[in-house]
Amino acid sequence: MINDLQSSWELSGSGWATCLMKDRSSERKDIVSYCTDALADLLHGVAGLYGPVPISRFSFDLEPAEVRWVLRGMGSEVDVAIYRYPDMSASFDAPDNQGTLVWGSTQPRDLLGPVVIEAAQSVLQFHGEDGYRAKWVQHSFPTAALQDLRRLHLQHDRCEVRHGAAVSQVAGCFLE
């Protein structure tokens, strides 16, 4: 399988991060606020795809806008849809279809999991837990969420890469 999905998470100031999702045909980049524990929400959301009801929803606060991620597992595939709402405080109970679809992609779950793991692992390797907390301010690095997603991926997807020691090793999973 050719890796046509990329994700990155970069801390870009005190309480701000840049989240990028990119596939072969399009990309979505958002500047995310620390008003939510966004990286932890992303990790928990992808981990939720391994449960009995593989649908996850979570939002990132863009101050004042919101982007809501809706992940729907369909067998071994995941439909990723990102909706934008102009005001997070006004869109709390709004249905998905009231937002504007700003990015969508269907990807294998065994690709989405490692791509998100790699993005989070890169942040941890670059900043460390103390550096992450200093920059993200209100939330600690989501170590438990990262470990949980890694465990679920290794348990349920055909992959022999350990996803943790070296970020470059993650690519080995994509070649199987």
N, C-alpha and C. Protein backbone atom coordinates (compact mmCIF):
# COMPACT_ATOMS: atom_id res chain seq x y z
N MET A 1 0.84 -1.18 0.00
CA MET A 1 0.00 0.00 0.00
C MET A 1 0.88 1.24 0.00
N ILE A 2 0.57 2.19 -0.83
CA ILE A 2 1.30 3.45 -0.88
C ILE A 2 0.68 4.39 0.15
N ASN A 3 1.53 5.04 0.93
CA ASN A 3 1.05 5.95 1.96
C ASN A 3 0.58 7.25 1.30
N ASP A 4 -0.73 7.41 1.13
CA ASP A 4 -1.25 8.64 0.56
C ASP A 4 -1.95 9.49 1.61
N LEU A 5 -1.71 9.20 2.88
CA LEU A 5 -2.29 9.98 3.97
C LEU A 5 -1.17 10.50 4.85
N GLN A 6 -1.26 11.77 5.17
CA GLN A 6 -0.27 12.40 6.05
C GLN A 6 -0.99 13.20 7.11
N SER A 7 -0.39 13.25 8.28
CA SER A 7 -0.92 14.05 9.36
C SER A 7 0.25 14.67 10.10
N SER A 8 0.07 15.88 10.56
CA SER A 8 1.08 16.48 11.42
C SER A 8 0.40 17.32 12.49
N TRP A 9 1.10 17.47 13.59
CA TRP A 9 0.64 18.27 14.71
C TRP A 9 1.85 19.05 15.19
N GLU A 10 1.79 20.38 15.06
CA GLU A 10 2.93 21.20 15.44
C GLU A 10 2.47 22.28 16.41
N LEU A 11 3.13 22.34 17.56
CA LEU A 11 2.85 23.42 18.50
C LEU A 11 3.42 24.69 17.91
N SER A 12 2.60 25.73 17.84
CA SER A 12 3.01 26.94 17.12
C SER A 12 2.95 28.19 17.98
N GLY A 13 2.99 28.03 19.26
CA GLY A 13 2.95 29.17 20.16
C GLY A 13 2.31 28.74 21.45
N SER A 14 2.21 29.63 22.37
CA SER A 14 1.62 29.31 23.66
C SER A 14 0.12 29.08 23.48
N GLY A 15 -0.30 27.81 23.57
CA GLY A 15 -1.71 27.46 23.47
C GLY A 15 -2.24 27.31 22.06
N TRP A 16 -1.36 27.17 21.07
CA TRP A 16 -1.79 27.02 19.68
C TRP A 16 -1.03 25.88 19.02
N ALA A 17 -1.73 25.18 18.13
CA ALA A 17 -1.11 24.10 17.36
C ALA A 17 -1.65 24.14 15.94
N THR A 18 -0.85 23.68 15.01
CA THR A 18 -1.28 23.54 13.63
C THR A 18 -1.50 22.06 13.37
N CYS A 19 -2.71 21.73 12.96
CA CYS A 19 -3.09 20.34 12.66
C CYS A 19 -3.28 20.24 11.14
N LEU A 20 -2.59 19.29 10.53
CA LEU A 20 -2.68 19.07 9.09
C LEU A 20 -3.12 17.65 8.81
N MET A 21 -4.08 17.51 7.93
CA MET A 21 -4.47 16.22 7.35
C MET A 21 -4.39 16.38 5.85
N LYS A 22 -3.76 15.41 5.19
CA LYS A 22 -3.54 15.52 3.75
C LYS A 22 -3.63 14.14 3.14
N ASP A 23 -4.38 14.04 2.05
CA ASP A 23 -4.37 12.80 1.28
C ASP A 23 -3.92 13.13 -0.13
N ARG A 24 -4.09 12.19 -1.03
CA ARG A 24 -3.60 12.35 -2.39
C ARG A 24 -4.25 13.53 -3.12
N SER A 25 -5.48 13.88 -2.75
CA SER A 25 -6.20 14.89 -3.52
C SER A 25 -6.43 16.22 -2.82
N SER A 26 -6.31 16.28 -1.50
CA SER A 26 -6.60 17.54 -0.81
C SER A 26 -5.97 17.55 0.57
N GLU A 27 -6.01 18.71 1.19
CA GLU A 27 -5.49 18.82 2.55
C GLU A 27 -6.34 19.79 3.35
N ARG A 28 -6.23 19.66 4.68
CA ARG A 28 -6.91 20.56 5.61
C ARG A 28 -5.92 20.94 6.69
N LYS A 29 -5.77 22.24 6.90
CA LYS A 29 -4.88 22.74 7.94
C LYS A 29 -5.68 23.68 8.82
N ASP A 30 -5.62 23.45 10.14
CA ASP A 30 -6.31 24.31 11.10
C ASP A 30 -5.34 24.75 12.18
N ILE A 31 -5.53 25.97 12.66
CA ILE A 31 -4.80 26.49 13.81
C ILE A 31 -5.72 26.28 15.01
N VAL A 32 -5.34 25.36 15.88
CA VAL A 32 -6.18 24.84 16.95
C VAL A 32 -5.79 25.47 18.28
N SER A 33 -6.80 25.81 19.08
CA SER A 33 -6.60 26.41 20.39
C SER A 33 -6.54 25.36 21.50
N TYR A 34 -5.88 25.73 22.58
CA TYR A 34 -5.78 24.85 23.75
C TYR A 34 -7.06 24.85 24.60
N CYS A 35 -8.11 25.51 24.13
CA CYS A 35 -9.37 25.51 24.88
C CYS A 35 -9.97 24.12 24.97
N THR A 36 -9.57 23.24 24.07
CA THR A 36 -9.91 21.82 24.19
C THR A 36 -8.59 21.06 24.23
N ASP A 37 -8.63 19.84 24.73
CA ASP A 37 -7.44 18.99 24.75
C ASP A 37 -7.36 18.27 23.41
N ALA A 38 -7.10 19.05 22.37
CA ALA A 38 -7.30 18.63 20.98
C ALA A 38 -6.50 17.39 20.58
N LEU A 39 -5.22 17.33 20.90
CA LEU A 39 -4.44 16.16 20.50
C LEU A 39 -4.96 14.91 21.19
N ALA A 40 -5.31 15.01 22.46
CA ALA A 40 -5.90 13.86 23.17
C ALA A 40 -7.23 13.48 22.52
N ASP A 41 -8.03 14.46 22.14
CA ASP A 41 -9.31 14.17 21.50
C ASP A 41 -9.11 13.44 20.17
N LEU A 42 -8.11 13.85 19.40
CA LEU A 42 -7.81 13.17 18.14
C LEU A 42 -7.40 11.72 18.40
N LEU A 43 -6.51 11.50 19.35
CA LEU A 43 -6.06 10.14 19.67
C LEU A 43 -7.22 9.27 20.17
N HIS A 44 -8.04 9.81 21.07
CA HIS A 44 -9.20 9.06 21.57
C HIS A 44 -10.20 8.79 20.44
N GLY A 45 -10.38 9.77 19.56
CA GLY A 45 -11.31 9.59 18.45
C GLY A 45 -10.91 8.46 17.53
N VAL A 46 -9.63 8.40 17.17
CA VAL A 46 -9.16 7.31 16.31
C VAL A 46 -9.21 5.99 17.07
N ALA A 47 -8.87 5.99 18.35
CA ALA A 47 -8.95 4.76 19.15
C ALA A 47 -10.39 4.24 19.21
N GLY A 48 -11.36 5.15 19.21
CA GLY A 48 -12.76 4.74 19.24
C GLY A 48 -13.19 3.92 18.04
N LEU A 49 -12.44 4.00 16.96
CA LEU A 49 -12.76 3.22 15.76
C LEU A 49 -12.55 1.73 15.97
N TYR A 50 -11.86 1.37 17.02
CA TYR A 50 -11.60 -0.04 17.33
C TYR A 50 -12.67 -0.63 18.24
N GLY A 51 -13.64 0.17 18.65
CA GLY A 51 -14.68 -0.29 19.57
C GLY A 51 -15.86 -0.91 18.85
N PRO A 52 -16.88 -1.30 19.61
CA PRO A 52 -18.05 -1.96 19.03
C PRO A 52 -18.90 -1.04 18.15
N VAL A 53 -18.88 0.26 18.42
CA VAL A 53 -19.60 1.24 17.59
C VAL A 53 -18.55 2.19 17.02
N PRO A 54 -18.02 1.86 15.84
CA PRO A 54 -16.87 2.62 15.33
C PRO A 54 -17.24 3.96 14.71
N ILE A 55 -17.82 4.83 15.54
CA ILE A 55 -18.11 6.21 15.13
C ILE A 55 -17.57 7.12 16.22
N SER A 56 -16.79 8.10 15.83
CA SER A 56 -16.23 9.06 16.79
C SER A 56 -16.50 10.47 16.31
N ARG A 57 -16.81 11.34 17.26
CA ARG A 57 -16.97 12.77 17.00
C ARG A 57 -16.18 13.53 18.04
N PHE A 58 -15.48 14.54 17.59
CA PHE A 58 -14.77 15.44 18.51
C PHE A 58 -14.56 16.76 17.78
N SER A 59 -14.33 17.80 18.55
CA SER A 59 -14.19 19.14 17.97
C SER A 59 -12.90 19.80 18.43
N PHE A 60 -12.40 20.65 17.56
CA PHE A 60 -11.28 21.52 17.89
C PHE A 60 -11.80 22.95 17.92
N ASP A 61 -11.37 23.70 18.92
CA ASP A 61 -11.75 25.10 19.03
C ASP A 61 -10.73 25.93 18.25
N LEU A 62 -11.23 26.72 17.30
CA LEU A 62 -10.37 27.60 16.51
C LEU A 62 -10.49 29.05 16.97
N GLU A 63 -11.30 29.27 17.98
CA GLU A 63 -11.53 30.60 18.57
C GLU A 63 -11.85 31.66 17.53
N PRO A 64 -13.06 31.88 17.16
CA PRO A 64 -14.28 31.35 17.74
C PRO A 64 -14.83 30.14 16.98
N ALA A 65 -14.29 29.87 15.81
CA ALA A 65 -14.86 28.80 14.99
C ALA A 65 -14.61 27.42 15.60
N GLU A 66 -15.31 26.44 15.06
CA GLU A 66 -15.16 25.04 15.47
C GLU A 66 -14.93 24.21 14.21
N VAL A 67 -14.06 23.21 14.32
CA VAL A 67 -14.04 22.14 13.32
C VAL A 67 -14.39 20.86 14.05
N ARG A 68 -15.39 20.18 13.52
CA ARG A 68 -15.86 18.93 14.11
C ARG A 68 -15.43 17.78 13.21
N TRP A 69 -14.75 16.84 13.80
CA TRP A 69 -14.34 15.64 13.08
C TRP A 69 -15.37 14.55 13.32
N VAL A 70 -15.75 13.88 12.26
CA VAL A 70 -16.64 12.73 12.35
C VAL A 70 -15.94 11.58 11.65
N LEU A 71 -15.63 10.55 12.43
CA LEU A 71 -14.94 9.36 11.91
C LEU A 71 -15.94 8.21 11.94
N ARG A 72 -16.15 7.59 10.80
CA ARG A 72 -17.08 6.46 10.71
C ARG A 72 -16.34 5.26 10.17
N GLY A 73 -16.21 4.23 11.00
CA GLY A 73 -15.60 2.99 10.55
C GLY A 73 -16.58 2.21 9.70
N MET A 74 -16.09 1.73 8.57
CA MET A 74 -16.91 0.92 7.65
C MET A 74 -16.08 -0.31 7.30
N GLY A 75 -16.12 -1.33 8.16
CA GLY A 75 -15.24 -2.48 7.98
C GLY A 75 -13.80 -2.06 8.22
N SER A 76 -12.95 -2.29 7.24
CA SER A 76 -11.54 -1.92 7.39
C SER A 76 -11.26 -0.48 6.94
N GLU A 77 -12.28 0.22 6.47
CA GLU A 77 -12.13 1.60 5.99
C GLU A 77 -12.70 2.59 7.00
N VAL A 78 -12.22 3.82 6.95
CA VAL A 78 -12.71 4.89 7.80
C VAL A 78 -13.05 6.09 6.92
N ASP A 79 -14.26 6.58 7.08
CA ASP A 79 -14.66 7.82 6.42
C ASP A 79 -14.35 8.95 7.40
N VAL A 80 -13.48 9.86 6.99
CA VAL A 80 -13.10 11.02 7.81
C VAL A 80 -13.77 12.24 7.20
N ALA A 81 -14.58 12.92 7.99
CA ALA A 81 -15.24 14.15 7.54
C ALA A 81 -14.97 15.24 8.57
N ILE A 82 -14.55 16.40 8.10
CA ILE A 82 -14.30 17.55 8.98
C ILE A 82 -15.26 18.65 8.56
N TYR A 83 -16.08 19.08 9.52
CA TYR A 83 -17.08 20.13 9.30
C TYR A 83 -16.64 21.39 10.03
N ARG A 84 -16.90 22.54 9.44
CA ARG A 84 -16.57 23.82 10.06
C ARG A 84 -17.85 24.55 10.42
N TYR A 85 -17.82 25.13 11.60
CA TYR A 85 -18.92 25.95 12.10
C TYR A 85 -18.33 27.31 12.47
N PRO A 86 -19.06 28.40 12.23
CA PRO A 86 -18.49 29.73 12.47
C PRO A 86 -18.26 30.07 13.94
N ASP A 87 -19.02 29.47 14.86
CA ASP A 87 -18.90 29.82 16.27
C ASP A 87 -19.09 28.58 17.12
N MET A 88 -18.04 28.18 17.81
CA MET A 88 -18.09 26.96 18.61
C MET A 88 -19.16 27.03 19.69
N SER A 89 -19.34 28.19 20.30
CA SER A 89 -20.32 28.29 21.39
C SER A 89 -21.75 28.15 20.87
N ALA A 90 -21.99 28.44 19.60
CA ALA A 90 -23.34 28.35 19.05
C ALA A 90 -23.59 27.01 18.34
N SER A 91 -22.56 26.22 18.11
CA SER A 91 -22.72 24.99 17.32
C SER A 91 -22.68 23.73 18.17
N PHE A 92 -22.68 23.85 19.47
CA PHE A 92 -22.52 22.70 20.37
C PHE A 92 -23.47 21.56 20.05
N ASP A 93 -24.75 21.85 19.89
CA ASP A 93 -25.75 20.81 19.62
C ASP A 93 -26.14 20.72 18.15
N ALA A 94 -25.47 21.46 17.29
CA ALA A 94 -25.84 21.47 15.88
C ALA A 94 -25.53 20.12 15.22
N PRO A 95 -26.42 19.65 14.36
CA PRO A 95 -26.14 18.42 13.61
C PRO A 95 -24.96 18.63 12.67
N ASP A 96 -24.31 17.54 12.32
CA ASP A 96 -23.16 17.61 11.44
C ASP A 96 -23.49 18.35 10.14
N ASN A 97 -24.65 18.07 9.56
CA ASN A 97 -24.97 18.64 8.25
C ASN A 97 -25.25 20.15 8.30
N GLN A 98 -25.28 20.76 9.49
CA GLN A 98 -25.39 22.21 9.57
C GLN A 98 -24.03 22.89 9.45
N GLY A 99 -22.97 22.11 9.57
CA GLY A 99 -21.64 22.64 9.34
C GLY A 99 -21.29 22.53 7.87
N THR A 100 -20.21 23.18 7.49
CA THR A 100 -19.72 23.11 6.12
C THR A 100 -18.65 22.03 6.05
N LEU A 101 -18.83 21.05 5.17
CA LEU A 101 -17.82 20.02 4.99
C LEU A 101 -16.60 20.66 4.36
N VAL A 102 -15.47 20.67 5.09
CA VAL A 102 -14.26 21.32 4.59
C VAL A 102 -13.17 20.33 4.20
N TRP A 103 -13.30 19.07 4.61
CA TRP A 103 -12.34 18.05 4.19
C TRP A 103 -12.95 16.68 4.43
N GLY A 104 -12.71 15.79 3.51
CA GLY A 104 -13.18 14.43 3.66
C GLY A 104 -12.26 13.47 2.94
N SER A 105 -12.16 12.28 3.47
CA SER A 105 -11.32 11.26 2.88
C SER A 105 -11.74 9.91 3.42
N THR A 106 -11.61 8.88 2.62
CA THR A 106 -11.83 7.52 3.09
C THR A 106 -10.49 6.81 3.04
N GLN A 107 -10.10 6.25 4.18
CA GLN A 107 -8.77 5.64 4.33
C GLN A 107 -8.89 4.32 5.06
N PRO A 108 -7.95 3.42 4.84
CA PRO A 108 -7.91 2.19 5.65
C PRO A 108 -7.60 2.54 7.11
N ARG A 109 -8.29 1.89 8.03
CA ARG A 109 -8.03 2.13 9.45
C ARG A 109 -6.58 1.83 9.80
N ASP A 110 -6.00 0.78 9.17
CA ASP A 110 -4.62 0.42 9.50
C ASP A 110 -3.61 1.41 8.92
N LEU A 111 -4.07 2.43 8.21
CA LEU A 111 -3.23 3.54 7.78
C LEU A 111 -3.50 4.78 8.64
N LEU A 112 -4.77 5.06 8.91
CA LEU A 112 -5.12 6.23 9.72
C LEU A 112 -4.50 6.14 11.11
N GLY A 113 -4.63 5.00 11.77
CA GLY A 113 -4.07 4.84 13.11
C GLY A 113 -2.59 5.18 13.18
N PRO A 114 -1.74 4.54 12.37
CA PRO A 114 -0.31 4.84 12.42
C PRO A 114 0.06 6.27 12.04
N VAL A 115 -0.69 6.88 11.12
CA VAL A 115 -0.40 8.26 10.73
C VAL A 115 -0.64 9.20 11.90
N VAL A 116 -1.72 8.97 12.65
CA VAL A 116 -2.02 9.80 13.82
C VAL A 116 -1.02 9.50 14.94
N ILE A 117 -0.68 8.23 15.13
CA ILE A 117 0.35 7.85 16.11
C ILE A 117 1.66 8.57 15.80
N GLU A 118 2.07 8.55 14.54
CA GLU A 118 3.32 9.19 14.13
C GLU A 118 3.30 10.69 14.41
N ALA A 119 2.17 11.35 14.12
CA ALA A 119 2.08 12.79 14.36
C ALA A 119 2.24 13.11 15.85
N ALA A 120 1.54 12.35 16.70
CA ALA A 120 1.63 12.58 18.15
C ALA A 120 3.03 12.24 18.67
N GLN A 121 3.59 11.14 18.19
CA GLN A 121 4.93 10.73 18.62
C GLN A 121 5.97 11.78 18.24
N SER A 122 5.81 12.39 17.08
CA SER A 122 6.74 13.44 16.64
C SER A 122 6.72 14.63 17.59
N VAL A 123 5.51 15.01 18.03
CA VAL A 123 5.38 16.12 18.98
C VAL A 123 6.09 15.77 20.29
N LEU A 124 5.87 14.56 20.77
CA LEU A 124 6.50 14.12 22.01
C LEU A 124 8.02 14.09 21.87
N GLN A 125 8.52 13.56 20.78
CA GLN A 125 9.97 13.49 20.58
C GLN A 125 10.59 14.88 20.48
N PHE A 126 9.89 15.81 19.85
CA PHE A 126 10.44 17.15 19.65
C PHE A 126 10.41 17.98 20.93
N HIS A 127 9.28 17.93 21.66
CA HIS A 127 9.10 18.81 22.83
C HIS A 127 9.31 18.12 24.17
N GLY A 128 9.11 16.80 24.22
CA GLY A 128 9.10 16.11 25.51
C GLY A 128 7.82 16.48 26.25
N GLU A 129 7.54 15.75 27.33
CA GLU A 129 6.32 16.02 28.09
C GLU A 129 6.33 17.39 28.73
N ASP A 130 7.47 17.79 29.30
CA ASP A 130 7.55 19.10 29.95
C ASP A 130 7.42 20.24 28.94
N GLY A 131 8.08 20.10 27.80
CA GLY A 131 8.00 21.12 26.76
C GLY A 131 6.61 21.24 26.18
N TYR A 132 5.94 20.10 26.03
CA TYR A 132 4.56 20.12 25.53
C TYR A 132 3.67 20.89 26.51
N ARG A 133 3.78 20.56 27.78
CA ARG A 133 2.95 21.24 28.80
C ARG A 133 3.24 22.74 28.83
N ALA A 134 4.50 23.11 28.68
CA ALA A 134 4.85 24.53 28.69
C ALA A 134 4.23 25.28 27.51
N LYS A 135 4.17 24.64 26.35
CA LYS A 135 3.60 25.29 25.17
C LYS A 135 2.08 25.15 25.09
N TRP A 136 1.54 23.99 25.46
CA TRP A 136 0.10 23.75 25.33
C TRP A 136 -0.65 24.31 26.54
N VAL A 137 0.02 24.57 27.61
CA VAL A 137 -0.41 25.29 28.80
C VAL A 137 -1.47 24.56 29.63
N GLN A 138 -2.66 24.36 29.12
CA GLN A 138 -3.76 23.85 29.94
C GLN A 138 -3.82 22.33 30.04
N HIS A 139 -3.07 21.63 29.19
CA HIS A 139 -3.18 20.17 29.16
C HIS A 139 -1.79 19.54 29.03
N SER A 140 -1.62 18.42 29.70
CA SER A 140 -0.38 17.65 29.58
C SER A 140 -0.40 16.83 28.30
N PHE A 141 0.77 16.35 27.89
CA PHE A 141 0.83 15.49 26.71
C PHE A 141 -0.02 14.25 26.98
N PRO A 142 -0.85 13.84 26.01
CA PRO A 142 -1.76 12.71 26.21
C PRO A 142 -1.08 11.34 26.06
N THR A 143 -0.17 11.06 26.97
CA THR A 143 0.61 9.83 26.92
C THR A 143 -0.29 8.59 26.94
N ALA A 144 -1.24 8.55 27.84
CA ALA A 144 -2.12 7.37 27.95
C ALA A 144 -2.93 7.18 26.68
N ALA A 145 -3.42 8.26 26.09
CA ALA A 145 -4.20 8.15 24.85
C ALA A 145 -3.33 7.64 23.70
N LEU A 146 -2.09 8.11 23.63
CA LEU A 146 -1.17 7.63 22.60
C LEU A 146 -0.88 6.15 22.79
N GLN A 147 -0.61 5.74 24.02
CA GLN A 147 -0.34 4.33 24.30
C GLN A 147 -1.55 3.46 24.00
N ASP A 148 -2.74 3.95 24.31
CA ASP A 148 -3.96 3.19 24.04
C ASP A 148 -4.17 2.99 22.55
N LEU A 149 -4.01 4.05 21.76
CA LEU A 149 -4.18 3.93 20.32
C LEU A 149 -3.12 2.98 19.75
N ARG A 150 -1.89 3.11 20.19
CA ARG A 150 -0.82 2.22 19.72
C ARG A 150 -1.17 0.76 20.03
N ARG A 151 -1.64 0.49 21.23
CA ARG A 151 -2.00 -0.87 21.65
C ARG A 151 -3.14 -1.42 20.79
N LEU A 152 -4.18 -0.61 20.58
CA LEU A 152 -5.32 -1.06 19.77
C LEU A 152 -4.91 -1.33 18.32
N HIS A 153 -4.09 -0.45 17.78
CA HIS A 153 -3.61 -0.65 16.40
C HIS A 153 -2.82 -1.95 16.28
N LEU A 154 -1.89 -2.17 17.20
CA LEU A 154 -1.08 -3.38 17.13
C LEU A 154 -1.90 -4.64 17.37
N GLN A 155 -2.93 -4.52 18.18
CA GLN A 155 -3.78 -5.67 18.50
C GLN A 155 -4.73 -6.02 17.35
N HIS A 156 -5.22 -5.02 16.62
CA HIS A 156 -6.30 -5.27 15.66
C HIS A 156 -5.90 -5.15 14.18
N ASP A 157 -4.82 -4.45 13.88
CA ASP A 157 -4.43 -4.26 12.49
C ASP A 157 -3.21 -5.12 12.18
N ARG A 158 -3.09 -5.54 10.96
CA ARG A 158 -1.93 -6.33 10.55
C ARG A 158 -0.72 -5.42 10.44
N CYS A 159 0.06 -5.37 11.48
CA CYS A 159 1.24 -4.51 11.50
C CYS A 159 2.21 -5.05 12.54
N GLU A 160 3.46 -5.15 12.17
CA GLU A 160 4.46 -5.65 13.11
C GLU A 160 5.40 -4.58 13.62
N VAL A 161 5.20 -3.34 13.20
CA VAL A 161 6.02 -2.22 13.67
C VAL A 161 5.55 -1.81 15.05
N ARG A 162 6.46 -1.49 15.95
CA ARG A 162 6.11 -1.18 17.34
C ARG A 162 5.58 0.24 17.54
N HIS A 163 5.78 1.14 16.61
CA HIS A 163 5.25 2.51 16.69
C HIS A 163 5.60 3.21 17.99
N GLY A 164 6.84 3.53 18.14
CA GLY A 164 7.19 4.26 19.34
C GLY A 164 8.65 4.59 19.43
N ALA A 165 9.51 3.66 19.07
CA ALA A 165 10.94 3.87 19.24
C ALA A 165 11.45 4.95 18.30
N ALA A 166 11.20 4.81 17.04
CA ALA A 166 11.65 5.79 16.06
C ALA A 166 10.52 6.07 15.08
N VAL A 167 10.28 7.34 14.86
CA VAL A 167 9.18 7.72 13.99
C VAL A 167 9.37 7.13 12.60
N SER A 168 10.61 7.06 12.12
CA SER A 168 10.83 6.55 10.76
C SER A 168 10.43 5.09 10.63
N GLN A 169 10.39 4.34 11.72
CA GLN A 169 9.98 2.95 11.65
C GLN A 169 8.50 2.80 11.30
N VAL A 170 7.71 3.81 11.56
CA VAL A 170 6.27 3.72 11.33
C VAL A 170 6.00 3.42 9.87
N ALA A 171 6.81 3.96 8.97
CA ALA A 171 6.58 3.76 7.55
C ALA A 171 6.61 2.29 7.17
N GLY A 172 7.32 1.45 7.91
CA GLY A 172 7.37 0.01 7.61
C GLY A 172 6.00 -0.62 7.63
N CYS A 173 5.11 -0.13 8.45
CA CYS A 173 3.76 -0.67 8.53
C CYS A 173 3.00 -0.45 7.22
N PHE A 174 3.29 0.67 6.56
CA PHE A 174 2.55 1.03 5.36
C PHE A 174 2.93 0.17 4.16
N LEU A 175 4.06 -0.51 4.23
CA LEU A 175 4.55 -1.26 3.07
C LEU A 175 4.05 -2.67 3.03
N GLU A 176 3.36 -3.14 4.05
CA GLU A 176 2.90 -4.52 4.07
C GLU A 176 1.72 -4.75 3.17
